[in-house]
PDB file of N, CA and C in Angstrom:
ATOM      1  N   MET A   1       0.833  -1.183   0.000  1.00  0.00           N
ATOM      2  CA  MET A   1       0.000   0.000   0.000  1.00  0.00           C
ATOM      3  C   MET A   1       0.873   1.241   0.000  1.00  0.00           C
ATOM      4  N   LYS A   2       0.383   2.230  -0.657  1.00  0.00           N
ATOM      5  CA  LYS A   2       1.100   3.486  -0.706  1.00  0.00           C
ATOM      6  C   LYS A   2       0.891   4.201   0.623  1.00  0.00           C
ATOM      7  N   PRO A   3       1.843   5.052   1.063  1.00  0.00           N
ATOM      8  CA  PRO A   3       1.705   5.770   2.327  1.00  0.00           C
ATOM      9  C   PRO A   3       0.460   6.656   2.361  1.00  0.00           C
ATOM     10  N   THR A   4       0.080   7.277   1.262  1.00  0.00           N
ATOM     11  CA  THR A   4      -1.103   8.125   1.249  1.00  0.00           C
ATOM     12  C   THR A   4      -2.355   7.291   1.481  1.00  0.00           C
ATOM     13  N   LEU A   5      -2.432   6.128   0.883  1.00  0.00           N
ATOM     14  CA  LEU A   5      -3.580   5.250   1.037  1.00  0.00           C
ATOM     15  C   LEU A   5      -3.661   4.742   2.475  1.00  0.00           C
ATOM     16  N   LYS A   6      -2.493   4.506   3.108  1.00  0.00           N
ATOM     17  CA  LYS A   6      -2.474   4.073   4.508  1.00  0.00           C
ATOM     18  C   LYS A   6      -3.074   5.154   5.404  1.00  0.00           C
ATOM     19  N   TYR A   7      -2.731   6.400   5.144  1.00  0.00           N
ATOM     20  CA  TYR A   7      -3.260   7.502   5.956  1.00  0.00           C
ATOM     21  C   TYR A   7      -4.775   7.656   5.766  1.00  0.00           C
ATOM     22  N   VAL A   8      -5.235   7.520   4.547  1.00  0.00           N
ATOM     23  CA  VAL A   8      -6.665   7.619   4.263  1.00  0.00           C
ATOM     24  C   VAL A   8      -7.416   6.474   4.944  1.00  0.00           C
ATOM     25  N   ALA A   9      -6.858   5.275   4.855  1.00  0.00           N
ATOM     26  CA  ALA A   9      -7.501   4.120   5.493  1.00  0.00           C
ATOM     27  C   ALA A   9      -7.521   4.303   7.007  1.00  0.00           C
ATOM     28  N   PHE A  10      -6.447   4.795   7.570  1.00  0.00           N
ATOM     29  CA  PHE A  10      -6.386   5.032   9.016  1.00  0.00           C
ATOM     30  C   PHE A  10      -7.394   6.100   9.439  1.00  0.00           C
ATOM     31  N   ALA A  11      -7.489   7.184   8.672  1.00  0.00           N
ATOM     32  CA  ALA A  11      -8.430   8.263   8.984  1.00  0.00           C
ATOM     33  C   ALA A  11      -9.873   7.760   8.894  1.00  0.00           C
ATOM     34  N   LEU A  12     -10.157   6.925   7.892  1.00  0.00           N
ATOM     35  CA  LEU A  12     -11.493   6.369   7.735  1.00  0.00           C
ATOM     36  C   LEU A  12     -11.840   5.452   8.909  1.00  0.00           C
ATOM     37  N   ALA A  13     -10.915   4.603   9.315  1.00  0.00           N
ATOM     38  CA  ALA A  13     -11.145   3.692  10.435  1.00  0.00           C
ATOM     39  C   ALA A  13     -11.331   4.480  11.734  1.00  0.00           C
ATOM     40  N   ALA A  14     -10.529   5.511  11.944  1.00  0.00           N
ATOM     41  CA  ALA A  14     -10.628   6.316  13.161  1.00  0.00           C
ATOM     42  C   ALA A  14     -11.965   7.051  13.207  1.00  0.00           C
ATOM     43  N   SER A  15     -12.424   7.569  12.065  1.00  0.00           N
ATOM     44  CA  SER A  15     -13.706   8.285  12.060  1.00  0.00           C
ATOM     45  C   SER A  15     -14.867   7.326  12.305  1.00  0.00           C
ATOM     46  N   MET A  16     -14.775   6.101  11.808  1.00  0.00           N
ATOM     47  CA  MET A  16     -15.836   5.118  12.050  1.00  0.00           C
ATOM     48  C   MET A  16     -15.894   4.726  13.522  1.00  0.00           C
ATOM     49  N   LEU A  17     -14.753   4.671  14.176  1.00  0.00           N
ATOM     50  CA  LEU A  17     -14.734   4.362  15.608  1.00  0.00           C
ATOM     51  C   LEU A  17     -15.258   5.532  16.430  1.00  0.00           C
ATOM     52  N   ALA A  18     -15.079   6.739  15.951  1.00  0.00           N
ATOM     53  CA  ALA A  18     -15.495   7.925  16.699  1.00  0.00           C
ATOM     54  C   ALA A  18     -16.975   8.241  16.521  1.00  0.00           C
ATOM     55  N   LEU A  19     -17.612   7.747  15.481  1.00  0.00           N
ATOM     56  CA  LEU A  19     -19.018   8.058  15.211  1.00  0.00           C
ATOM     57  C   LEU A  19     -19.959   7.676  16.352  1.00  0.00           C
ATOM     58  N   PRO A  20     -19.867   6.483  16.936  1.00  0.00           N
ATOM     59  CA  PRO A  20     -20.796   6.169  18.035  1.00  0.00           C
ATOM     60  C   PRO A  20     -20.655   7.114  19.228  1.00  0.00           C
ATOM     61  N   SER A  21     -19.448   7.507  19.543  1.00  0.00           N
ATOM     62  CA  SER A  21     -19.279   8.407  20.674  1.00  0.00           C
ATOM     63  C   SER A  21     -19.783   9.811  20.349  1.00  0.00           C
ATOM     64  N   LEU A  22     -19.694  10.222  19.095  1.00  0.00           N
ATOM     65  CA  LEU A  22     -20.229  11.525  18.701  1.00  0.00           C
ATOM     66  C   LEU A  22     -21.754  11.519  18.741  1.00  0.00           C
ATOM     67  N   ALA A  23     -22.362  10.391  18.436  1.00  0.00           N
ATOM     68  CA  ALA A  23     -23.818  10.304  18.472  1.00  0.00           C
ATOM     69  C   ALA A  23     -24.315  10.492  19.901  1.00  0.00           C
ATOM     70  N   HIS A  24     -23.616   9.953  20.877  1.00  0.00           N
ATOM     71  CA  HIS A  24     -24.009  10.119  22.278  1.00  0.00           C
ATOM     72  C   HIS A  24     -23.750  11.544  22.760  1.00  0.00           C
ATOM     73  N   ALA A  25     -22.717  12.175  22.233  1.00  0.00           N
ATOM     74  CA  ALA A  25     -22.377  13.524  22.672  1.00  0.00           C
ATOM     75  C   ALA A  25     -23.384  14.548  22.178  1.00  0.00           C
ATOM     76  N   SER A  26     -24.106  14.253  21.110  1.00  0.00           N
ATOM     77  CA  SER A  26     -25.046  15.233  20.575  1.00  0.00           C
ATOM     78  C   SER A  26     -26.355  15.266  21.351  1.00  0.00           C
ATOM     79  N   ARG A  27     -26.606  14.295  22.200  1.00  0.00           N
ATOM     80  CA  ARG A  27     -27.822  14.295  23.010  1.00  0.00           C
ATOM     81  C   ARG A  27     -27.699  15.325  24.124  1.00  0.00           C
ATOM     82  N   PRO A  28     -28.808  15.988  24.467  1.00  0.00           N
ATOM     83  CA  PRO A  28     -28.749  16.959  25.562  1.00  0.00           C
ATOM     84  C   PRO A  28     -28.535  16.246  26.893  1.00  0.00           C
ATOM     85  N   ALA A  29     -27.815  16.904  27.763  1.00  0.00           N
ATOM     86  CA  ALA A  29     -27.556  16.335  29.082  1.00  0.00           C
ATOM     87  C   ALA A  29     -28.853  16.298  29.879  1.00  0.00           C
ATOM     88  N   PRO A  30     -29.029  15.265  30.710  1.00  0.00           N
ATOM     89  CA  PRO A  30     -30.255  15.212  31.518  1.00  0.00           C
ATOM     90  C   PRO A  30     -30.305  16.375  32.497  1.00  0.00           C
ATOM     91  N   SER A  31     -31.492  16.876  32.696  1.00  0.00           N
ATOM     92  CA  SER A  31     -31.677  18.018  33.571  1.00  0.00           C
ATOM     93  C   SER A  31     -31.665  17.579  35.026  1.00  0.00           C
ATOM     94  N   LEU A  32     -31.041  18.364  35.864  1.00  0.00           N
ATOM     95  CA  LEU A  32     -31.023  18.079  37.289  1.00  0.00           C
ATOM     96  C   LEU A  32     -32.181  18.750  38.006  1.00  0.00           C
ATOM     97  N   ALA A  33     -32.949  19.531  37.278  1.00  0.00           N
ATOM     98  CA  ALA A  33     -34.094  20.215  37.873  1.00  0.00           C
ATOM     99  C   ALA A  33     -35.193  19.205  38.167  1.00  0.00           C
ATOM    100  N   ALA A  34     -36.130  19.603  38.996  1.00  0.00           N
ATOM    101  CA  ALA A  34     -37.245  18.728  39.344  1.00  0.00           C
ATOM    102  C   ALA A  34     -38.047  18.411  38.090  1.00  0.00           C
ATOM    103  N   PRO A  35     -38.550  17.185  38.003  1.00  0.00           N
ATOM    104  CA  PRO A  35     -39.322  16.824  36.814  1.00  0.00           C
ATOM    105  C   PRO A  35     -40.594  17.648  36.716  1.00  0.00           C
ATOM    106  N   THR A  36     -40.979  17.938  35.483  1.00  0.00           N
ATOM    107  CA  THR A  36     -42.194  18.716  35.284  1.00  0.00           C
ATOM    108  C   THR A  36     -43.403  17.817  35.462  1.00  0.00           C
ATOM    109  N   LYS A  37     -44.514  18.418  35.825  1.00  0.00           N
ATOM    110  CA  LYS A  37     -45.733  17.652  36.053  1.00  0.00           C
ATOM    111  C   LYS A  37     -46.405  17.373  34.720  1.00  0.00           C
ATOM    112  N   SER A  38     -46.925  16.183  34.592  1.00  0.00           N
ATOM    113  CA  SER A  38     -47.651  15.827  33.387  1.00  0.00           C
ATOM    114  C   SER A  38     -49.078  16.349  33.476  1.00  0.00           C
ATOM    115  N   LYS A  39     -49.825  16.193  32.400  1.00  0.00           N
ATOM    116  CA  LYS A  39     -51.213  16.653  32.400  1.00  0.00           C
ATOM    117  C   LYS A  39     -52.026  15.909  33.448  1.00  0.00           C
ATOM    118  N   ALA A  40     -51.709  14.632  33.668  1.00  0.00           N
ATOM    119  CA  ALA A  40     -52.455  13.850  34.656  1.00  0.00           C
ATOM    120  C   ALA A  40     -52.258  14.418  36.053  1.00  0.00           C
ATOM    121  N   ASP A  41     -51.037  14.887  36.356  1.00  0.00           N
ATOM    122  CA  ASP A  41     -50.778  15.467  37.671  1.00  0.00           C
ATOM    123  C   ASP A  41     -51.518  16.791  37.853  1.00  0.00           C
ATOM    124  N   LYS A  42     -51.674  17.549  36.782  1.00  0.00           N
ATOM    125  CA  LYS A  42     -52.308  18.858  36.872  1.00  0.00           C
ATOM    126  C   LYS A  42     -53.807  18.759  37.089  1.00  0.00           C
ATOM    127  N   THR A  43     -54.398  17.616  36.711  1.00  0.00           N
ATOM    128  CA  THR A  43     -55.840  17.480  36.839  1.00  0.00           C
ATOM    129  C   THR A  43     -56.265  17.039  38.228  1.00  0.00           C
ATOM    130  N   LYS A  44     -55.331  16.636  39.053  1.00  0.00           N
ATOM    131  CA  LYS A  44     -55.679  16.219  40.411  1.00  0.00           C
ATOM    132  C   LYS A  44     -56.112  17.423  41.234  1.00  0.00           C
ATOM    133  N   ALA A  45     -56.934  17.155  42.222  1.00  0.00           N
ATOM    134  CA  ALA A  45     -57.390  18.233  43.103  1.00  0.00           C
ATOM    135  C   ALA A  45     -56.207  18.759  43.907  1.00  0.00           C
ATOM    136  N   PRO A  46     -56.145  20.063  44.144  1.00  0.00           N
ATOM    137  CA  PRO A  46     -55.032  20.613  44.915  1.00  0.00           C
ATOM    138  C   PRO A  46     -55.078  20.119  46.356  1.00  0.00           C
ATOM    139  N   VAL A  47     -53.897  19.846  46.893  1.00  0.00           N
ATOM    140  CA  VAL A  47     -53.794  19.360  48.257  1.00  0.00           C
ATOM    141  C   VAL A  47     -53.835  20.543  49.215  1.00  0.00           C
ATOM    142  N   ALA A  48     -54.600  20.403  50.266  1.00  0.00           N
ATOM    143  CA  ALA A  48     -54.685  21.480  51.257  1.00  0.00           C
ATOM    144  C   ALA A  48     -53.326  21.645  51.928  1.00  0.00           C
ATOM    145  N   LYS A  49     -52.865  22.863  52.019  1.00  0.00           N
ATOM    146  CA  LYS A  49     -51.559  23.114  52.602  1.00  0.00           C
ATOM    147  C   LYS A  49     -51.660  23.389  54.094  1.00  0.00           C
ATOM    148  N   GLU A  50     -52.862  23.642  54.565  1.00  0.00           N
ATOM    149  CA  GLU A  50     -53.049  23.923  55.970  1.00  0.00           C
ATOM    150  C   GLU A  50     -53.140  22.625  56.762  1.00  0.00           C
ATOM    151  N   LEU A  51     -52.494  22.618  57.908  1.00  0.00           N
ATOM    152  CA  LEU A  51     -52.549  21.440  58.768  1.00  0.00           C
ATOM    153  C   LEU A  51     -53.895  21.386  59.487  1.00  0.00           C
ATOM    154  N   ILE A  52     -54.338  20.181  59.771  1.00  0.00           N
ATOM    155  CA  ILE A  52     -55.600  19.999  60.482  1.00  0.00           C
ATOM    156  C   ILE A  52     -55.295  19.886  61.971  1.00  0.00           C
ATOM    157  N   ASP A  53     -55.922  20.740  62.759  1.00  0.00           N
ATOM    158  CA  ASP A  53     -55.746  20.729  64.209  1.00  0.00           C
ATOM    159  C   ASP A  53     -56.632  19.628  64.790  1.00  0.00           C
ATOM    160  N   ILE A  54     -56.017  18.616  65.396  1.00  0.00           N
ATOM    161  CA  ILE A  54     -56.812  17.486  65.901  1.00  0.00           C
ATOM    162  C   ILE A  54     -57.621  17.861  67.139  1.00  0.00           C
ATOM    163  N   ASN A  55     -57.327  18.993  67.757  1.00  0.00           N
ATOM    164  CA  ASN A  55     -58.113  19.429  68.911  1.00  0.00           C
ATOM    165  C   ASN A  55     -59.386  20.161  68.522  1.00  0.00           C
ATOM    166  N   SER A  56     -59.481  20.647  67.297  1.00  0.00           N
ATOM    167  CA  SER A  56     -60.667  21.402  66.900  1.00  0.00           C
ATOM    168  C   SER A  56     -61.290  20.942  65.590  1.00  0.00           C
ATOM    169  N   ALA A  57     -60.729  19.950  64.933  1.00  0.00           N
ATOM    170  CA  ALA A  57     -61.230  19.503  63.639  1.00  0.00           C
ATOM    171  C   ALA A  57     -62.585  18.821  63.766  1.00  0.00           C
ATOM    172  N   THR A  58     -63.386  18.990  62.740  1.00  0.00           N
ATOM    173  CA  THR A  58     -64.681  18.325  62.700  1.00  0.00           C
ATOM    174  C   THR A  58     -64.491  16.871  62.282  1.00  0.00           C
ATOM    175  N   LEU A  59     -65.529  16.084  62.430  1.00  0.00           N
ATOM    176  CA  LEU A  59     -65.493  14.683  62.021  1.00  0.00           C
ATOM    177  C   LEU A  59     -65.168  14.577  60.533  1.00  0.00           C
ATOM    178  N   GLU A  60     -65.756  15.435  59.714  1.00  0.00           N
ATOM    179  CA  GLU A  60     -65.533  15.413  58.272  1.00  0.00           C
ATOM    180  C   GLU A  60     -64.078  15.743  57.925  1.00  0.00           C
ATOM    181  N   GLN A  61     -63.492  16.710  58.636  1.00  0.00           N
ATOM    182  CA  GLN A  61     -62.092  17.063  58.384  1.00  0.00           C
ATOM    183  C   GLN A  61     -61.181  15.902  58.740  1.00  0.00           C
ATOM    184  N   LEU A  62     -61.453  15.235  59.834  1.00  0.00           N
ATOM    185  CA  LEU A  62     -60.618  14.101  60.242  1.00  0.00           C
ATOM    186  C   LEU A  62     -60.761  12.929  59.282  1.00  0.00           C
ATOM    187  N   VAL A  63     -61.973  12.680  58.811  1.00  0.00           N
ATOM    188  CA  VAL A  63     -62.206  11.582  57.872  1.00  0.00           C
ATOM    189  C   VAL A  63     -61.515  11.855  56.534  1.00  0.00           C
ATOM    190  N   SER A  64     -61.281  13.102  56.206  1.00  0.00           N
ATOM    191  CA  SER A  64     -60.605  13.441  54.950  1.00  0.00           C
ATOM    192  C   SER A  64     -59.128  13.049  54.962  1.00  0.00           C
ATOM    193  N   LEU A  65     -58.581  12.752  56.126  1.00  0.00           N
ATOM    194  CA  LEU A  65     -57.185  12.324  56.235  1.00  0.00           C
ATOM    195  C   LEU A  65     -57.048  10.871  55.787  1.00  0.00           C
ATOM    196  N   PRO A  66     -55.908  10.521  55.189  1.00  0.00           N
ATOM    197  CA  PRO A  66     -55.718   9.124  54.802  1.00  0.00           C
ATOM    198  C   PRO A  66     -55.653   8.234  56.042  1.00  0.00           C
ATOM    199  N   ALA A  67     -56.194   7.048  55.952  1.00  0.00           N
ATOM    200  CA  ALA A  67     -56.178   6.039  57.018  1.00  0.00           C
ATOM    201  C   ALA A  67     -57.049   6.399  58.219  1.00  0.00           C
ATOM    202  N   VAL A  68     -57.894   7.440  58.103  1.00  0.00           N
ATOM    203  CA  VAL A  68     -58.784   7.810  59.199  1.00  0.00           C
ATOM    204  C   VAL A  68     -60.227   7.665  58.705  1.00  0.00           C
ATOM    205  N   GLY A  69     -60.915   6.705  59.293  1.00  0.00           N
ATOM    206  CA  GLY A  69     -62.329   6.516  58.979  1.00  0.00           C
ATOM    207  C   GLY A  69     -63.184   7.153  60.060  1.00  0.00           C
ATOM    208  N   LYS A  70     -64.472   6.872  60.012  1.00  0.00           N
ATOM    209  CA  LYS A  70     -65.394   7.472  60.985  1.00  0.00           C
ATOM    210  C   LYS A  70     -65.095   6.993  62.403  1.00  0.00           C
ATOM    211  N   LYS A  71     -64.736   5.714  62.558  1.00  0.00           N
ATOM    212  CA  LYS A  71     -64.452   5.193  63.903  1.00  0.00           C
ATOM    213  C   LYS A  71     -63.210   5.850  64.497  1.00  0.00           C
ATOM    214  N   HIS A  72     -62.133   5.952  63.688  1.00  0.00           N
ATOM    215  CA  HIS A  72     -60.917   6.612  64.191  1.00  0.00           C
ATOM    216  C   HIS A  72     -61.175   8.083  64.479  1.00  0.00           C
ATOM    217  N   ALA A  73     -61.923   8.726  63.607  1.00  0.00           N
ATOM    218  CA  ALA A  73     -62.230  10.150  63.806  1.00  0.00           C
ATOM    219  C   ALA A  73     -63.009  10.342  65.100  1.00  0.00           C
ATOM    220  N   ALA A  74     -63.965   9.461  65.363  1.00  0.00           N
ATOM    221  CA  ALA A  74     -64.742   9.561  66.605  1.00  0.00           C
ATOM    222  C   ALA A  74     -63.851   9.337  67.826  1.00  0.00           C
ATOM    223  N   LYS A  75     -62.888   8.418  67.726  1.00  0.00           N
ATOM    224  CA  LYS A  75     -61.953   8.184  68.838  1.00  0.00           C
ATOM    225  C   LYS A  75     -61.062   9.404  69.069  1.00  0.00           C
ATOM    226  N   ILE A  76     -60.634  10.027  67.981  1.00  0.00           N
ATOM    227  CA  ILE A  76     -59.790  11.224  68.105  1.00  0.00           C
ATOM    228  C   ILE A  76     -60.572  12.330  68.805  1.00  0.00           C
ATOM    229  N   ILE A  77     -61.814  12.520  68.417  1.00  0.00           N
ATOM    230  CA  ILE A  77     -62.644  13.565  69.024  1.00  0.00           C
ATOM    231  C   ILE A  77     -62.895  13.249  70.488  1.00  0.00           C
ATOM    232  N   ALA A  78     -63.170  11.994  70.811  1.00  0.00           N
ATOM    233  CA  ALA A  78     -63.451  11.605  72.198  1.00  0.00           C
ATOM    234  C   ALA A  78     -62.228  11.747  73.099  1.00  0.00           C
ATOM    235  N   GLY A  79     -61.031  11.661  72.540  1.00  0.00           N
ATOM    236  CA  GLY A  79     -59.809  11.725  73.344  1.00  0.00           C
ATOM    237  C   GLY A  79     -59.256  13.122  73.535  1.00  0.00           C
ATOM    238  N   ARG A  80     -59.939  14.135  73.084  1.00  0.00           N
ATOM    239  CA  ARG A  80     -59.454  15.507  73.208  1.00  0.00           C
ATOM    240  C   ARG A  80     -59.412  15.948  74.658  1.00  0.00           C
ATOM    241  N   PRO A  81     -58.550  16.848  75.027  1.00  0.00           N
ATOM    242  CA  PRO A  81     -57.546  17.579  74.262  1.00  0.00           C
ATOM    243  C   PRO A  81     -56.225  16.798  74.196  1.00  0.00           C
ATOM    244  N   TYR A  82     -55.421  17.144  73.196  1.00  0.00           N
ATOM    245  CA  TYR A  82     -54.108  16.532  72.991  1.00  0.00           C
ATOM    246  C   TYR A  82     -53.042  17.604  73.185  1.00  0.00           C
ATOM    247  N   LYS A  83     -51.906  17.186  73.736  1.00  0.00           N
ATOM    248  CA  LYS A  83     -50.769  18.100  73.883  1.00  0.00           C
ATOM    249  C   LYS A  83     -49.820  17.967  72.696  1.00  0.00           C
ATOM    250  N   SER A  84     -49.797  16.787  72.078  1.00  0.00           N
ATOM    251  CA  SER A  84     -48.961  16.560  70.899  1.00  0.00           C
ATOM    252  C   SER A  84     -49.654  15.547  69.998  1.00  0.00           C
ATOM    253  N   THR A  85     -49.254  15.552  68.746  1.00  0.00           N
ATOM    254  CA  THR A  85     -49.856  14.616  67.801  1.00  0.00           C
ATOM    255  C   THR A  85     -49.464  13.177  68.113  1.00  0.00           C
ATOM    256  N   ALA A  86     -48.316  12.987  68.741  1.00  0.00           N
ATOM    257  CA  ALA A  86     -47.844  11.639  69.068  1.00  0.00           C
ATOM    258  C   ALA A  86     -48.756  10.927  70.065  1.00  0.00           C
ATOM    259  N   GLU A  87     -49.596  11.674  70.753  1.00  0.00           N
ATOM    260  CA  GLU A  87     -50.530  11.058  71.695  1.00  0.00           C
ATOM    261  C   GLU A  87     -51.535  10.146  70.994  1.00  0.00           C
ATOM    262  N   LEU A  88     -51.725  10.335  69.702  1.00  0.00           N
ATOM    263  CA  LEU A  88     -52.634   9.452  68.972  1.00  0.00           C
ATOM    264  C   LEU A  88     -52.145   8.011  69.002  1.00  0.00           C
ATOM    265  N   THR A  89     -50.830   7.827  69.011  1.00  0.00           N
ATOM    266  CA  THR A  89     -50.298   6.462  69.093  1.00  0.00           C
ATOM    267  C   THR A  89     -50.094   6.035  70.536  1.00  0.00           C
ATOM    268  N   SER A  90     -49.665   6.944  71.387  1.00  0.00           N
ATOM    269  CA  SER A  90     -49.421   6.550  72.781  1.00  0.00           C
ATOM    270  C   SER A  90     -50.724   6.194  73.501  1.00  0.00           C
ATOM    271  N   ARG A  91     -51.821   6.802  73.087  1.00  0.00           N
ATOM    272  CA  ARG A  91     -53.134   6.473  73.663  1.00  0.00           C
ATOM    273  C   ARG A  91     -53.817   5.339  72.893  1.00  0.00           C
ATOM    274  N   LYS A  92     -53.113   4.806  71.902  1.00  0.00           N
ATOM    275  CA  LYS A  92     -53.592   3.691  71.068  1.00  0.00           C
ATOM    276  C   LYS A  92     -54.877   4.014  70.312  1.00  0.00           C
ATOM    277  N   ILE A  93     -54.975   5.252  69.857  1.00  0.00           N
ATOM    278  CA  ILE A  93     -56.102   5.653  69.022  1.00  0.00           C
ATOM    279  C   ILE A  93     -55.815   5.275  67.568  1.00  0.00           C
ATOM    280  N   LEU A  94     -54.561   5.447  67.155  1.00  0.00           N
ATOM    281  CA  LEU A  94     -54.113   5.059  65.818  1.00  0.00           C
ATOM    282  C   LEU A  94     -52.894   4.151  65.930  1.00  0.00           C
ATOM    283  N   SER A  95     -52.741   3.264  64.945  1.00  0.00           N
ATOM    284  CA  SER A  95     -51.523   2.446  64.891  1.00  0.00           C
ATOM    285  C   SER A  95     -50.372   3.324  64.412  1.00  0.00           C
ATOM    286  N   ALA A  96     -49.164   2.856  64.621  1.00  0.00           N
ATOM    287  CA  ALA A  96     -47.986   3.615  64.180  1.00  0.00           C
ATOM    288  C   ALA A  96     -47.993   3.781  62.662  1.00  0.00           C
ATOM    289  N   ALA A  97     -48.442   2.762  61.940  1.00  0.00           N
ATOM    290  CA  ALA A  97     -48.494   2.840  60.473  1.00  0.00           C
ATOM    291  C   ALA A  97     -49.497   3.893  60.007  1.00  0.00           C
ATOM    292  N   ASP A  98     -50.677   3.913  60.645  1.00  0.00           N
ATOM    293  CA  ASP A  98     -51.679   4.918  60.277  1.00  0.00           C
ATOM    294  C   ASP A  98     -51.215   6.315  60.664  1.00  0.00           C
ATOM    295  N   PHE A  99     -50.584   6.440  61.810  1.00  0.00           N
ATOM    296  CA  PHE A  99     -50.085   7.741  62.251  1.00  0.00           C
ATOM    297  C   PHE A  99     -49.029   8.272  61.279  1.00  0.00           C
ATOM    298  N   ALA A 100     -48.181   7.386  60.779  1.00  0.00           N
ATOM    299  CA  ALA A 100     -47.128   7.798  59.844  1.00  0.00           C
ATOM    300  C   ALA A 100     -47.732   8.391  58.562  1.00  0.00           C
ATOM    301  N   LYS A 101     -48.917   7.922  58.190  1.00  0.00           N
ATOM    302  CA  LYS A 101     -49.564   8.423  56.971  1.00  0.00           C
ATOM    303  C   LYS A 101     -50.114   9.834  57.138  1.00  0.00           C
ATOM    304  N   ILE A 102     -50.413  10.243  58.380  1.00  0.00           N
ATOM    305  CA  ILE A 102     -51.068  11.548  58.579  1.00  0.00           C
ATOM    306  C   ILE A 102     -50.240  12.541  59.390  1.00  0.00           C
ATOM    307  N   GLU A 103     -49.120  12.119  59.942  1.00  0.00           N
ATOM    308  CA  GLU A 103     -48.409  12.990  60.888  1.00  0.00           C
ATOM    309  C   GLU A 103     -47.964  14.323  60.292  1.00  0.00           C
ATOM    310  N   LYS A 104     -47.716  14.390  58.994  1.00  0.00           N
ATOM    311  CA  LYS A 104     -47.303  15.650  58.377  1.00  0.00           C
ATOM    312  C   LYS A 104     -48.504  16.506  57.967  1.00  0.00           C
ATOM    313  N   LYS A 105     -49.704  15.998  58.206  1.00  0.00           N
ATOM    314  CA  LYS A 105     -50.907  16.713  57.810  1.00  0.00           C
ATOM    315  C   LYS A 105     -51.712  17.215  59.000  1.00  0.00           C
ATOM    316  N   ILE A 106     -51.234  16.905  60.206  1.00  0.00           N
ATOM    317  CA  ILE A 106     -51.983  17.298  61.413  1.00  0.00           C
ATOM    318  C   ILE A 106     -51.106  18.124  62.331  1.00  0.00           C
ATOM    319  N   THR A 107     -51.754  18.832  63.225  1.00  0.00           N
ATOM    320  CA  THR A 107     -51.067  19.641  64.224  1.00  0.00           C
ATOM    321  C   THR A 107     -51.928  19.688  65.480  1.00  0.00           C
ATOM    322  N   VAL A 108     -51.325  20.213  66.545  1.00  0.00           N
ATOM    323  CA  VAL A 108     -52.058  20.429  67.799  1.00  0.00           C
ATOM    324  C   VAL A 108     -51.872  21.891  68.180  1.00  0.00           C
ATOM    325  N   LYS A 109     -52.987  22.606  68.231  1.00  0.00           N
ATOM    326  CA  LYS A 109     -52.966  24.001  68.684  1.00  0.00           C
ATOM    327  C   LYS A 109     -53.650  24.038  70.025  1.00  0.00           C
ATOM    328  N   GLN A 110     -53.075  24.771  70.932  1.00  0.00           N
ATOM    329  CA  GLN A 110     -53.669  24.822  72.288  1.00  0.00           C
ATOM    330  C   GLN A 110     -54.143  26.194  72.629  1.00  0.00           C
TER     331      GLN A 110
END
C-alpha cells in the first residue's frame, strides 16, 4: 500500500470508531431540575396546605385524612384535648403505620 492510502484508510477507520461516541455527545444532558408535572398530575385536586388541628377539627375534616375513617375520627374527638400529635399512638387511638400516613398533615394548637 502506498503511504497516502495508509493515511486515508487510518483516517477512515478512526472516524468510524469515533461516530458512536459523537452520536451520544449530541444528546442533551439530563436536567437536574425537578421533573415537570404531566397533564395527569395537573388534573388532580389541589392538596390542602393547611394542617388539620386534631383538637378542633370536625369529624368530616378528620375523615378526609388518609387512614382515618369514621371510627378513628370519633376516637380522636373523644380523646381531646391533645398536647402533641404523638398522643394518637401513645393512647392507642391510631396504629404507628396509620399515624405515619397523617403525621405531616396534622397539628395540635392549644
